[in-house]
Amino acid sequence: SCREQANAAGVEGSAQNLDDGRVEVVLEGDRDAVERVIEWCRQGPEGARVKSLEVDDERPRGESGFTLG
């Protein structure tokens, strides 16, 4: 679902489910587009339970496409 949102917004990056139940998402692209995907992440897909969201700004890595890990 996150990949679909990122692709629709023209954002590059990745999403990975972590062993402790968290999801790590890396987003790169136009600031407004990235913000739209972050806002979607605050609620997640239907049926998801988002307890919290932490956003860290980092230097771009040069992501290409959107991968799932």
N, C-alpha and C. Protein backbone atom coordinates (compact mmCIF):
# COMPACT_ATOMS: atom_id res chain seq x y z
N SER A 1 0.82 -1.20 0.00
CA SER A 1 0.00 0.00 0.00
C SER A 1 0.86 1.26 0.00
N CYS A 2 1.94 1.23 0.78
CA CYS A 2 2.82 2.39 0.83
C CYS A 2 3.49 2.62 -0.52
N ARG A 3 3.88 1.54 -1.17
CA ARG A 3 4.50 1.67 -2.50
C ARG A 3 3.52 2.30 -3.47
N GLU A 4 2.25 1.91 -3.42
CA GLU A 4 1.24 2.50 -4.30
C GLU A 4 1.11 3.99 -4.06
N GLN A 5 1.09 4.40 -2.79
CA GLN A 5 0.99 5.81 -2.45
C GLN A 5 2.22 6.57 -2.93
N ALA A 6 3.39 6.00 -2.72
CA ALA A 6 4.63 6.65 -3.15
C ALA A 6 4.69 6.77 -4.67
N ASN A 7 4.34 5.70 -5.36
CA ASN A 7 4.36 5.74 -6.82
C ASN A 7 3.38 6.79 -7.35
N ALA A 8 2.20 6.87 -6.76
CA ALA A 8 1.20 7.85 -7.20
C ALA A 8 1.70 9.28 -6.97
N ALA A 9 2.50 9.48 -5.93
CA ALA A 9 3.02 10.81 -5.62
C ALA A 9 4.33 11.11 -6.34
N GLY A 10 4.90 10.11 -7.03
CA GLY A 10 6.17 10.30 -7.71
C GLY A 10 7.36 10.31 -6.75
N VAL A 11 7.24 9.55 -5.67
CA VAL A 11 8.27 9.51 -4.63
C VAL A 11 9.05 8.21 -4.74
N GLU A 12 10.36 8.30 -4.59
CA GLU A 12 11.25 7.13 -4.59
C GLU A 12 11.44 6.65 -3.17
N GLY A 13 11.92 5.41 -2.99
CA GLY A 13 12.25 4.96 -1.65
C GLY A 13 12.06 3.49 -1.42
N SER A 14 11.73 3.14 -0.16
CA SER A 14 11.56 1.74 0.21
C SER A 14 10.71 1.63 1.46
N ALA A 15 10.17 0.44 1.68
CA ALA A 15 9.43 0.13 2.91
C ALA A 15 9.84 -1.26 3.35
N GLN A 16 9.99 -1.42 4.66
CA GLN A 16 10.44 -2.71 5.19
C GLN A 16 9.75 -2.97 6.52
N ASN A 17 9.16 -4.16 6.67
CA ASN A 17 8.60 -4.58 7.94
C ASN A 17 9.74 -5.04 8.84
N LEU A 18 9.80 -4.51 10.05
CA LEU A 18 10.84 -4.88 11.00
C LEU A 18 10.33 -5.98 11.93
N ASP A 19 11.24 -6.73 12.52
CA ASP A 19 10.89 -7.87 13.37
C ASP A 19 10.04 -7.48 14.57
N ASP A 20 10.16 -6.24 15.03
CA ASP A 20 9.41 -5.82 16.22
C ASP A 20 8.03 -5.25 15.90
N GLY A 21 7.59 -5.39 14.64
CA GLY A 21 6.26 -4.93 14.25
C GLY A 21 6.22 -3.54 13.65
N ARG A 22 7.34 -2.82 13.74
CA ARG A 22 7.39 -1.50 13.12
C ARG A 22 7.61 -1.63 11.62
N VAL A 23 7.34 -0.54 10.91
CA VAL A 23 7.61 -0.47 9.48
C VAL A 23 8.55 0.71 9.26
N GLU A 24 9.65 0.46 8.58
CA GLU A 24 10.59 1.54 8.24
C GLU A 24 10.36 1.94 6.79
N VAL A 25 10.13 3.21 6.58
CA VAL A 25 9.88 3.74 5.23
C VAL A 25 10.90 4.82 4.94
N VAL A 26 11.54 4.75 3.79
CA VAL A 26 12.47 5.77 3.31
C VAL A 26 11.82 6.42 2.10
N LEU A 27 11.71 7.74 2.13
CA LEU A 27 11.07 8.47 1.04
C LEU A 27 12.00 9.56 0.53
N GLU A 28 12.05 9.69 -0.79
CA GLU A 28 12.86 10.72 -1.43
C GLU A 28 12.08 11.32 -2.58
N GLY A 29 12.14 12.63 -2.69
CA GLY A 29 11.47 13.29 -3.80
C GLY A 29 11.10 14.71 -3.45
N ASP A 30 10.21 15.27 -4.23
CA ASP A 30 9.69 16.61 -4.00
C ASP A 30 9.12 16.69 -2.58
N ARG A 31 9.47 17.74 -1.85
CA ARG A 31 9.07 17.86 -0.44
C ARG A 31 7.56 17.73 -0.26
N ASP A 32 6.78 18.40 -1.10
CA ASP A 32 5.31 18.31 -0.96
C ASP A 32 4.81 16.90 -1.20
N ALA A 33 5.39 16.21 -2.17
CA ALA A 33 4.98 14.83 -2.47
C ALA A 33 5.35 13.91 -1.31
N VAL A 34 6.54 14.09 -0.76
CA VAL A 34 6.96 13.27 0.39
C VAL A 34 6.03 13.54 1.57
N GLU A 35 5.68 14.79 1.81
CA GLU A 35 4.76 15.13 2.90
C GLU A 35 3.40 14.46 2.72
N ARG A 36 2.92 14.38 1.48
CA ARG A 36 1.64 13.70 1.23
C ARG A 36 1.73 12.22 1.61
N VAL A 37 2.83 11.57 1.28
CA VAL A 37 2.98 10.15 1.62
C VAL A 37 3.13 10.00 3.15
N ILE A 38 3.84 10.90 3.79
CA ILE A 38 3.97 10.85 5.24
C ILE A 38 2.59 10.98 5.88
N GLU A 39 1.77 11.89 5.39
CA GLU A 39 0.42 12.05 5.94
C GLU A 39 -0.38 10.76 5.78
N TRP A 40 -0.25 10.10 4.64
CA TRP A 40 -0.94 8.82 4.45
C TRP A 40 -0.42 7.80 5.47
N CYS A 41 0.88 7.80 5.72
CA CYS A 41 1.48 6.85 6.68
C CYS A 41 0.93 7.04 8.09
N ARG A 42 0.48 8.23 8.42
CA ARG A 42 -0.07 8.48 9.76
C ARG A 42 -1.30 7.62 10.04
N GLN A 43 -2.00 7.20 8.98
CA GLN A 43 -3.17 6.34 9.15
C GLN A 43 -2.94 4.96 8.57
N GLY A 44 -2.14 4.88 7.52
CA GLY A 44 -1.85 3.59 6.89
C GLY A 44 -3.03 3.09 6.08
N PRO A 45 -2.90 1.88 5.55
CA PRO A 45 -3.98 1.30 4.74
C PRO A 45 -5.15 0.86 5.63
N GLU A 46 -6.25 0.55 5.00
CA GLU A 46 -7.43 0.07 5.72
C GLU A 46 -7.06 -1.14 6.58
N GLY A 47 -7.48 -1.13 7.82
CA GLY A 47 -7.20 -2.24 8.72
C GLY A 47 -5.90 -2.09 9.50
N ALA A 48 -5.09 -1.10 9.15
CA ALA A 48 -3.82 -0.89 9.87
C ALA A 48 -4.08 -0.17 11.18
N ARG A 49 -3.20 -0.40 12.13
CA ARG A 49 -3.23 0.31 13.41
C ARG A 49 -1.91 1.04 13.57
N VAL A 50 -1.91 2.33 13.33
CA VAL A 50 -0.69 3.13 13.47
C VAL A 50 -0.71 3.74 14.86
N LYS A 51 0.25 3.34 15.68
CA LYS A 51 0.33 3.85 17.06
C LYS A 51 1.12 5.15 17.12
N SER A 52 2.15 5.27 16.32
CA SER A 52 2.96 6.49 16.31
C SER A 52 3.73 6.54 15.00
N LEU A 53 4.26 7.72 14.73
CA LEU A 53 5.05 7.93 13.52
C LEU A 53 6.21 8.84 13.87
N GLU A 54 7.40 8.42 13.53
CA GLU A 54 8.60 9.22 13.78
C GLU A 54 9.20 9.58 12.43
N VAL A 55 9.49 10.85 12.22
CA VAL A 55 10.06 11.31 10.96
C VAL A 55 11.45 11.87 11.23
N ASP A 56 12.43 11.36 10.49
CA ASP A 56 13.80 11.85 10.57
C ASP A 56 14.19 12.37 9.20
N ASP A 57 14.66 13.61 9.13
CA ASP A 57 15.17 14.14 7.87
C ASP A 57 16.61 13.68 7.70
N GLU A 58 16.92 13.16 6.51
CA GLU A 58 18.26 12.70 6.20
C GLU A 58 18.66 13.24 4.84
N ARG A 59 19.94 13.15 4.56
CA ARG A 59 20.42 13.53 3.22
C ARG A 59 19.90 12.51 2.21
N PRO A 60 19.54 12.97 1.01
CA PRO A 60 19.09 12.03 -0.02
C PRO A 60 20.14 10.98 -0.32
N ARG A 61 19.68 9.75 -0.56
CA ARG A 61 20.57 8.63 -0.87
C ARG A 61 20.65 8.36 -2.38
N GLY A 62 19.76 8.99 -3.13
CA GLY A 62 19.71 8.73 -4.57
C GLY A 62 18.87 7.50 -4.88
N GLU A 63 17.77 7.34 -4.13
CA GLU A 63 16.86 6.19 -4.33
C GLU A 63 16.33 6.19 -5.76
N SER A 64 16.08 5.00 -6.26
CA SER A 64 15.52 4.85 -7.60
C SER A 64 14.38 3.84 -7.53
N GLY A 65 13.17 4.26 -7.86
CA GLY A 65 12.01 3.39 -7.77
C GLY A 65 11.56 3.27 -6.32
N PHE A 66 10.77 2.26 -6.04
CA PHE A 66 10.31 2.01 -4.67
C PHE A 66 10.37 0.52 -4.42
N THR A 67 11.18 0.11 -3.46
CA THR A 67 11.38 -1.31 -3.19
C THR A 67 10.76 -1.70 -1.87
N LEU A 68 10.46 -2.98 -1.75
CA LEU A 68 9.96 -3.55 -0.51
C LEU A 68 11.01 -4.51 0.01
N GLY A 69 11.27 -4.44 1.31
CA GLY A 69 12.31 -5.30 1.86
C GLY A 69 11.81 -6.28 2.86
